[in-house]
Amino acid sequence: MKHFTIPIFIPQQGCPFQCVFCNQEKITSRGHIPDVAEVDNIISQYHFSFPGGAKHVEIGFFGGSFTGLSMEEQEKYLRIAQSYRQKSMVQGIRLSTRPDYITEEGLHLLEKYGVTTIELGAQSMDEEVLCQSARGHTAEDVEMASRMILAHGFRLGLQMMLGLPGDTLEKAVFTAKQIIGLGAVETRIYPVLVIRDTKLEEWYHEGKYRPLTLKETVHWLKTIIPLFEEAGVEVTRVGLHSSVGLNSGKELVAGPFHPSIRELAMTEVWWDRLEQITKDKRGARCEMRVHPSQYNFAIGYYGKNRKRLLKNFNKVIFLKKAGLKFNELQVEMTSHFENKTR
C-alpha cells in the first residue's frame, strides 16, 4: 500500500521561541498563513492528484507548533481535516509541535478531531545542546510529553537534528537511543543548515559555529540510521525538503544540504554490509538479494556500491526479494575468477 501525506504549512504559528537555527519562512518558502478555504482547496487538489489503487493518505499540519495555536484556531483546521477522514478520503491526521506544548486539555481536543500521529521536535536529548540552541524546553519535557501522547493512544514521532551547537556524534547517538526508548514509531533526522536571518548565521560569520561537512553528516547518518532500523523505528525523512530558496542557495548560507542526502548515507550503510561479506573475495559473479525498498540504496548513489564491487568481480547483480528484512542481505558468489575485458 502506498502512503501519501497532504502537507499543510502554517509557518511560525504558535511558537514564541526563536531557536538559533530556525527561520520557517525561508526554509519552506512559505510565509503565507492559509485560511480555511485555502486548506480545504489544498486537501482537495492533493487528493484528486493521487493515483488509484490501495493507499493510505494523511493530512499533516507542519511548519510551526500546532498545539501552540489557540484552541479555536486548532479546531478551525482540524474540523476540515476531520471532514475528509469521516468521508474516508483520508485515513490519518498528523501534526508537528513542541514537547512543552503538550497538555491533557490539548490532547483531548486532538482526540476529538481524530488526530492519529503527533510529532515532537525533540531535536536533541542533551541538555547542553538544547540550551545552546535556545530551544526553550528540556529533555525532561520531551520525556513527559512522549508519555502523555502514548497514554492517549496516539502514534508518536520524535524528530532530531544533527550538528546543533555543542553537538557531537556521541550525543547524537544518545539522542537516537533515547528516541527509541521513549517509544517513538517514527523519526525525522535533520542535519543543521545555516539559514539566512538566523542567530546561527550570525555565529557562523563570527566564527562561533561550524556546521557539519557533507562527509561528516553522511558518517553521522550511517551510524545513526541502523540504530532506528534495528529497533523498528521508521525513518520517514532525512534532511529538509528541497525548496526554491535552498536549491538556489538564496536562503542557504552554509551546511550539508544535498537533495539526495538520504541516498548518500544509505549507500554507505549498505557498503558496510556489502564490504563485510565480500571483503578480500574475488570472482566471476556476485549476486545480491535485498528488500525491494533497499534496492537503490544497496546499488548506491549513481551506482557507487556496484562500481566498488566490480573491482573484485566480473559481474555484479542486485535483485529485489520480498520477504527479506530491511537490513537483510543474501549473497551468492561464483569463486572462479575470470579476467575482465578492458
Protein backbone atom coordinates (compact mmCIF):
# COMPACT_ATOMS: atom_id res chain seq x y z
CA MET A 1 0.00 0.00 0.00
CA LYS A 2 1.34 3.42 -0.95
CA HIS A 3 1.44 6.18 1.66
CA PHE A 4 0.81 9.85 0.91
CA THR A 5 0.83 12.93 3.12
CA ILE A 6 -1.01 16.13 2.23
CA PRO A 7 1.16 18.88 3.77
CA ILE A 8 -0.45 21.99 5.21
CA PHE A 9 2.22 24.53 6.19
CA ILE A 10 1.40 27.02 8.93
CA PRO A 11 4.80 28.78 9.28
CA GLN A 12 5.91 30.16 12.62
CA GLN A 13 2.45 29.95 14.08
CA GLY A 14 2.01 29.02 17.71
CA CYS A 15 5.71 29.36 18.59
CA PRO A 16 7.04 32.35 20.56
CA PHE A 17 10.59 30.97 20.57
CA GLN A 18 13.28 31.70 18.00
CA CYS A 19 15.68 28.78 18.00
CA VAL A 20 19.15 29.69 16.75
CA PHE A 21 18.69 27.63 13.57
CA CYS A 22 15.10 28.50 12.72
CA ASN A 23 13.52 30.60 10.02
CA GLN A 24 10.48 28.66 8.85
CA GLU A 25 9.54 31.13 6.14
CA LYS A 26 12.88 30.78 4.36
CA ILE A 27 13.15 27.01 4.95
CA THR A 28 9.74 26.26 3.46
CA SER A 29 9.50 29.24 1.07
CA ARG A 30 6.07 29.78 2.59
CA GLY A 31 5.36 32.94 4.55
CA HIS A 32 1.63 32.89 3.93
CA ILE A 33 -0.77 31.51 6.56
CA PRO A 34 -3.57 29.59 4.81
CA ASP A 35 -7.17 30.28 5.71
CA VAL A 36 -9.90 27.65 5.99
CA ALA A 37 -10.95 27.84 2.33
CA GLU A 38 -7.35 27.53 1.16
CA VAL A 39 -6.71 24.49 3.36
CA ASP A 40 -9.84 22.86 2.01
CA ASN A 41 -8.69 23.54 -1.54
CA ILE A 42 -5.16 22.19 -0.88
CA ILE A 43 -6.52 18.92 0.51
CA SER A 44 -8.96 18.51 -2.36
CA GLN A 45 -6.32 19.18 -5.04
CA TYR A 46 -3.82 16.77 -3.50
CA HIS A 47 -6.42 14.06 -3.04
CA PHE A 48 -7.52 14.04 -6.65
CA SER A 49 -3.91 14.01 -7.87
CA PHE A 50 -3.12 10.68 -6.18
CA PRO A 51 -3.10 7.53 -8.32
CA GLY A 52 -5.78 4.90 -7.95
CA GLY A 53 -5.41 1.67 -6.02
CA ALA A 54 -4.86 0.92 -2.35
CA LYS A 55 -3.34 3.86 -0.48
CA HIS A 56 -3.08 5.39 2.96
CA VAL A 57 -3.49 9.18 2.93
CA GLU A 58 -2.77 11.52 5.80
CA ILE A 59 -3.22 15.25 6.27
CA GLY A 60 -0.21 16.79 8.01
CA PHE A 61 -0.02 20.19 9.69
CA PHE A 62 3.62 21.30 9.59
CA GLY A 63 5.76 24.40 9.82
CA GLY A 64 5.04 25.66 13.31
CA SER A 65 3.94 24.41 16.73
CA PHE A 66 0.37 23.39 16.05
CA THR A 67 -0.69 22.89 19.67
CA GLY A 68 0.61 26.36 20.48
CA LEU A 69 -2.25 27.83 18.47
CA SER A 70 -5.39 28.83 20.34
CA MET A 71 -7.97 26.09 20.77
CA GLU A 72 -10.25 27.96 18.37
CA GLU A 73 -7.58 28.09 15.66
CA GLN A 74 -6.70 24.42 16.11
CA GLU A 75 -10.37 23.45 15.80
CA LYS A 76 -10.71 25.57 12.66
CA TYR A 77 -8.05 23.50 10.88
CA LEU A 78 -8.88 20.16 12.47
CA ARG A 79 -12.55 20.40 11.58
CA ILE A 80 -11.66 20.47 7.88
CA ALA A 81 -9.25 17.54 8.20
CA GLN A 82 -11.77 15.51 10.16
CA SER A 83 -14.44 16.02 7.49
CA TYR A 84 -12.18 14.34 4.92
CA ARG A 85 -11.44 11.49 7.32
CA GLN A 86 -15.13 10.95 8.04
CA LYS A 87 -15.70 10.61 4.29
CA SER A 88 -12.84 8.06 4.18
CA MET A 89 -10.94 10.30 1.76
CA VAL A 90 -8.01 10.33 4.20
CA GLN A 91 -7.05 7.76 6.80
CA GLY A 92 -4.99 9.82 9.21
CA ILE A 93 -4.25 13.28 10.57
CA ARG A 94 -0.81 14.23 11.85
CA LEU A 95 0.75 17.36 13.23
CA SER A 96 4.10 18.61 14.49
CA THR A 97 4.58 20.59 17.67
CA ARG A 98 6.87 21.34 20.59
CA PRO A 99 7.21 18.95 23.56
CA ASP A 100 6.44 21.73 26.04
CA TYR A 101 3.15 22.45 24.25
CA ILE A 102 1.53 19.14 25.15
CA THR A 103 -1.27 19.30 27.73
CA GLU A 104 -4.08 16.99 28.79
CA GLU A 105 -6.67 19.50 27.57
CA GLY A 106 -4.93 19.82 24.22
CA LEU A 107 -4.68 16.05 23.76
CA HIS A 108 -8.40 15.65 24.44
CA LEU A 109 -9.07 18.17 21.66
CA LEU A 110 -6.85 16.26 19.24
CA GLU A 111 -8.65 13.03 20.16
CA LYS A 112 -12.00 14.67 19.46
CA TYR A 113 -10.97 15.53 15.90
CA GLY A 114 -9.37 12.20 15.06
CA VAL A 115 -5.68 13.08 15.07
CA THR A 116 -3.64 9.90 14.70
CA THR A 117 0.04 10.93 14.89
CA ILE A 118 1.83 13.62 16.89
CA GLU A 119 5.41 14.52 16.01
CA LEU A 120 7.53 16.31 18.59
CA GLY A 121 10.56 18.38 17.69
CA ALA A 122 12.88 16.86 20.28
CA GLN A 123 15.99 17.86 18.22
CA SER A 124 18.35 16.64 20.95
CA MET A 125 18.14 14.88 24.30
CA ASP A 126 21.32 16.56 25.54
CA GLU A 127 20.61 19.48 27.88
CA GLU A 128 23.69 21.45 26.85
CA VAL A 129 22.77 21.21 23.17
CA LEU A 130 19.16 22.25 23.86
CA CYS A 131 20.36 25.23 25.91
CA GLN A 132 22.91 26.42 23.32
CA SER A 133 20.27 26.09 20.60
CA ALA A 134 17.75 28.22 22.56
CA ARG A 135 15.12 25.53 22.27
CA GLY A 136 13.24 26.74 25.34
CA HIS A 137 12.49 23.21 26.60
CA THR A 138 14.36 20.42 28.34
CA ALA A 139 14.93 16.72 27.65
CA GLU A 140 12.57 16.02 30.54
CA ASP A 141 9.84 17.94 28.68
CA VAL A 142 10.33 15.55 25.75
CA GLU A 143 10.07 12.53 28.03
CA MET A 144 6.94 13.78 29.76
CA ALA A 145 5.19 14.79 26.53
CA SER A 146 6.02 11.44 24.94
CA ARG A 147 4.48 9.52 27.84
CA MET A 148 1.31 11.63 27.67
CA ILE A 149 0.95 11.19 23.91
CA LEU A 150 1.32 7.42 24.13
CA ALA A 151 -1.06 7.22 27.10
CA HIS A 152 -3.75 8.81 24.90
CA GLY A 153 -3.20 6.26 22.15
CA PHE A 154 -1.56 8.49 19.52
CA ARG A 155 1.30 7.35 17.32
CA LEU A 156 4.46 9.13 18.47
CA GLY A 157 7.07 10.64 16.20
CA LEU A 158 10.23 12.28 17.52
CA GLN A 159 12.37 14.49 15.32
CA MET A 160 16.09 15.02 15.84
CA MET A 161 18.76 17.32 14.40
CA LEU A 162 22.44 16.66 13.75
CA GLY A 163 25.16 19.23 14.30
CA LEU A 164 23.44 21.72 16.60
CA PRO A 165 25.72 23.96 18.70
CA GLY A 166 27.53 21.76 21.21
CA ASP A 167 26.52 18.54 19.44
CA THR A 168 28.82 15.56 18.93
CA LEU A 169 28.35 12.19 17.29
CA GLU A 170 28.20 10.61 20.75
CA LYS A 171 25.42 12.99 21.81
CA ALA A 172 23.54 12.33 18.58
CA VAL A 173 23.73 8.57 19.15
CA PHE A 174 22.48 9.14 22.71
CA THR A 175 19.53 11.14 21.33
CA ALA A 176 18.68 8.38 18.85
CA LYS A 177 18.72 5.75 21.60
CA GLN A 178 16.52 7.95 23.80
CA ILE A 179 14.03 8.38 20.94
CA ILE A 180 13.87 4.61 20.59
CA GLY A 181 13.50 4.13 24.34
CA LEU A 182 10.65 6.64 24.57
CA GLY A 183 8.50 4.55 22.25
CA ALA A 184 8.56 6.56 19.04
CA VAL A 185 7.37 4.63 15.98
CA GLU A 186 8.94 7.08 13.55
CA THR A 187 11.56 9.80 13.36
CA ARG A 188 12.82 12.52 11.05
CA ILE A 189 16.51 13.40 11.00
CA TYR A 190 17.53 16.94 10.02
CA PRO A 191 21.20 17.87 9.62
CA VAL A 192 21.55 21.52 10.67
CA LEU A 193 21.77 24.11 7.92
CA VAL A 194 22.77 27.74 8.36
CA ILE A 195 19.79 29.71 7.05
CA ARG A 196 19.75 33.46 6.41
CA ASP A 197 18.43 35.77 9.11
CA THR A 198 19.03 33.36 11.98
CA LYS A 199 21.24 33.57 15.05
CA LEU A 200 23.21 30.66 13.62
CA GLU A 201 24.11 32.76 10.56
CA GLU A 202 25.45 35.47 12.86
CA TRP A 203 27.52 32.92 14.80
CA TYR A 204 28.77 31.35 11.56
CA HIS A 205 30.11 34.66 10.24
CA GLU A 206 31.66 35.41 13.64
CA GLY A 207 33.41 32.03 13.65
CA LYS A 208 31.43 30.83 16.68
CA TYR A 209 29.71 27.99 14.86
CA ARG A 210 30.87 25.48 12.26
CA PRO A 211 28.27 23.31 10.53
CA LEU A 212 28.97 19.68 9.76
CA THR A 213 30.52 18.99 6.37
CA LEU A 214 28.62 16.75 4.00
CA LYS A 215 31.16 13.98 4.61
CA GLU A 216 30.75 14.27 8.39
CA THR A 217 26.98 14.29 8.04
CA VAL A 218 26.97 11.11 5.96
CA HIS A 219 29.17 9.44 8.59
CA TRP A 220 26.82 10.52 11.42
CA LEU A 221 23.78 9.32 9.46
CA LYS A 222 25.28 5.94 8.59
CA THR A 223 25.98 5.46 12.30
CA ILE A 224 22.51 6.51 13.49
CA ILE A 225 20.08 5.20 10.84
CA PRO A 226 20.88 1.50 11.52
CA LEU A 227 20.01 2.05 15.20
CA PHE A 228 16.49 3.04 14.18
CA GLU A 229 16.23 0.24 11.62
CA GLU A 230 17.18 -2.42 14.16
CA ALA A 231 14.65 -1.02 16.65
CA GLY A 232 11.83 -0.93 14.08
CA VAL A 233 11.56 2.87 14.16
CA GLU A 234 10.69 4.20 10.71
CA VAL A 235 12.93 7.00 9.42
CA THR A 236 10.33 8.98 7.49
CA ARG A 237 12.62 11.81 6.39
CA VAL A 238 16.31 12.67 6.25
CA GLY A 239 17.16 16.31 5.53
CA LEU A 240 14.96 19.24 4.66
CA HIS A 241 12.68 19.10 1.64
CA SER A 242 14.10 20.86 -1.37
CA SER A 243 12.74 24.36 -1.87
CA VAL A 244 13.40 27.24 -4.22
CA GLY A 245 15.40 29.05 -1.54
CA LEU A 246 17.54 26.06 -0.62
CA ASN A 247 18.10 24.76 -4.15
CA SER A 248 19.17 28.16 -5.45
CA GLY A 249 21.35 28.89 -2.43
CA LYS A 250 19.47 32.13 -1.93
CA GLU A 251 18.49 31.31 1.65
CA LEU A 252 21.23 28.79 2.44
CA VAL A 253 24.39 30.26 3.95
CA ALA A 254 26.26 27.06 4.80
CA GLY A 255 25.78 23.49 5.85
CA PRO A 256 25.39 19.96 4.44
CA PHE A 257 22.42 20.43 2.13
CA HIS A 258 22.07 17.79 -0.57
CA PRO A 259 18.79 16.84 -2.28
CA SER A 260 19.74 13.14 -2.03
CA ILE A 261 21.40 13.12 1.37
CA ARG A 262 19.47 10.06 2.50
CA GLU A 263 20.68 8.10 -0.52
CA LEU A 264 24.26 9.21 0.16
CA ALA A 265 24.01 7.94 3.73
CA MET A 266 22.22 4.71 2.86
CA THR A 267 24.83 3.99 0.19
CA GLU A 268 27.43 3.91 2.97
CA VAL A 269 25.17 1.92 5.31
CA TRP A 270 24.87 -0.74 2.62
CA TRP A 271 28.54 -0.61 1.70
CA ASP A 272 29.42 -1.50 5.29
CA ARG A 273 27.25 -4.62 4.91
CA LEU A 274 28.47 -5.48 1.42
CA GLU A 275 32.14 -4.96 2.24
CA GLN A 276 31.92 -7.12 5.34
CA ILE A 277 30.68 -10.08 3.28
CA THR A 278 32.72 -9.60 0.10
CA LYS A 279 35.98 -8.25 1.55
CA ASP A 280 39.07 -9.98 0.12
CA LYS A 281 36.88 -12.12 -2.15
CA ARG A 282 37.21 -12.16 -5.93
CA GLY A 283 35.29 -13.99 -8.59
CA ALA A 284 33.35 -14.09 -11.82
CA ARG A 285 29.96 -13.21 -10.41
CA CYS A 286 28.41 -11.70 -7.30
CA GLU A 287 24.63 -11.72 -6.84
CA MET A 288 22.92 -9.84 -4.01
CA ARG A 289 19.27 -10.01 -2.95
CA VAL A 290 17.78 -7.22 -0.84
CA HIS A 291 14.36 -5.96 0.27
CA PRO A 292 12.70 -4.04 -2.62
CA SER A 293 12.73 -0.77 -0.65
CA GLN A 294 16.51 -1.06 -0.22
CA TYR A 295 17.34 -1.91 -3.83
CA ASN A 296 18.55 1.56 -4.93
CA PHE A 297 20.35 2.13 -1.63
CA ALA A 298 22.24 -1.16 -1.97
CA ILE A 299 23.33 -0.38 -5.54
CA GLY A 300 24.41 3.02 -4.24
CA TYR A 301 24.16 6.64 -5.28
CA TYR A 302 24.97 6.71 -9.00
CA GLY A 303 25.81 3.00 -8.72
CA LYS A 304 28.66 3.64 -6.27
CA ASN A 305 28.47 0.27 -4.49
CA ARG A 306 28.13 -1.66 -7.73
CA LYS A 307 31.26 0.09 -9.03
CA ARG A 308 33.13 -0.75 -5.83
CA LEU A 309 32.25 -4.42 -6.18
CA LEU A 310 33.23 -4.50 -9.86
CA LYS A 311 36.84 -4.06 -8.75
CA ASN A 312 36.71 -7.65 -7.48
CA PHE A 313 34.01 -9.29 -9.61
CA ASN A 314 33.42 -9.55 -13.34
CA LYS A 315 29.68 -9.28 -12.94
CA VAL A 316 27.64 -7.76 -10.12
CA ILE A 317 23.87 -8.28 -9.93
CA PHE A 318 21.38 -6.80 -7.46
CA LEU A 319 17.93 -8.36 -7.15
CA LYS A 320 14.79 -7.39 -5.22
CA LYS A 321 13.40 -10.08 -2.93
CA ALA A 322 10.20 -9.57 -0.98
CA GLY A 323 10.12 -11.13 2.46
CA LEU A 324 13.61 -10.08 3.48
CA LYS A 325 14.11 -7.71 6.39
CA PHE A 326 15.10 -4.13 5.56
CA ASN A 327 18.70 -4.75 6.58
CA GLU A 328 18.94 -8.34 5.35
CA LEU A 329 21.32 -9.30 2.58
CA GLN A 330 21.60 -12.59 0.70
CA VAL A 331 24.78 -13.07 -1.32
CA GLU A 332 25.77 -15.71 -3.85
CA MET A 333 29.28 -15.61 -5.30
CA THR A 334 30.98 -17.59 -8.06
CA SER A 335 34.53 -18.02 -6.87
CA HIS A 336 36.20 -18.80 -10.19
CA PHE A 337 37.79 -15.55 -11.36
CA GLU A 338 37.82 -14.58 -14.98
CA ASN A 339 39.99 -11.79 -16.37
CA LYS A 340 37.98 -8.72 -17.31
CA THR A 341 37.97 -7.40 -20.82
CA ARG A 342 39.23 -3.85 -20.75
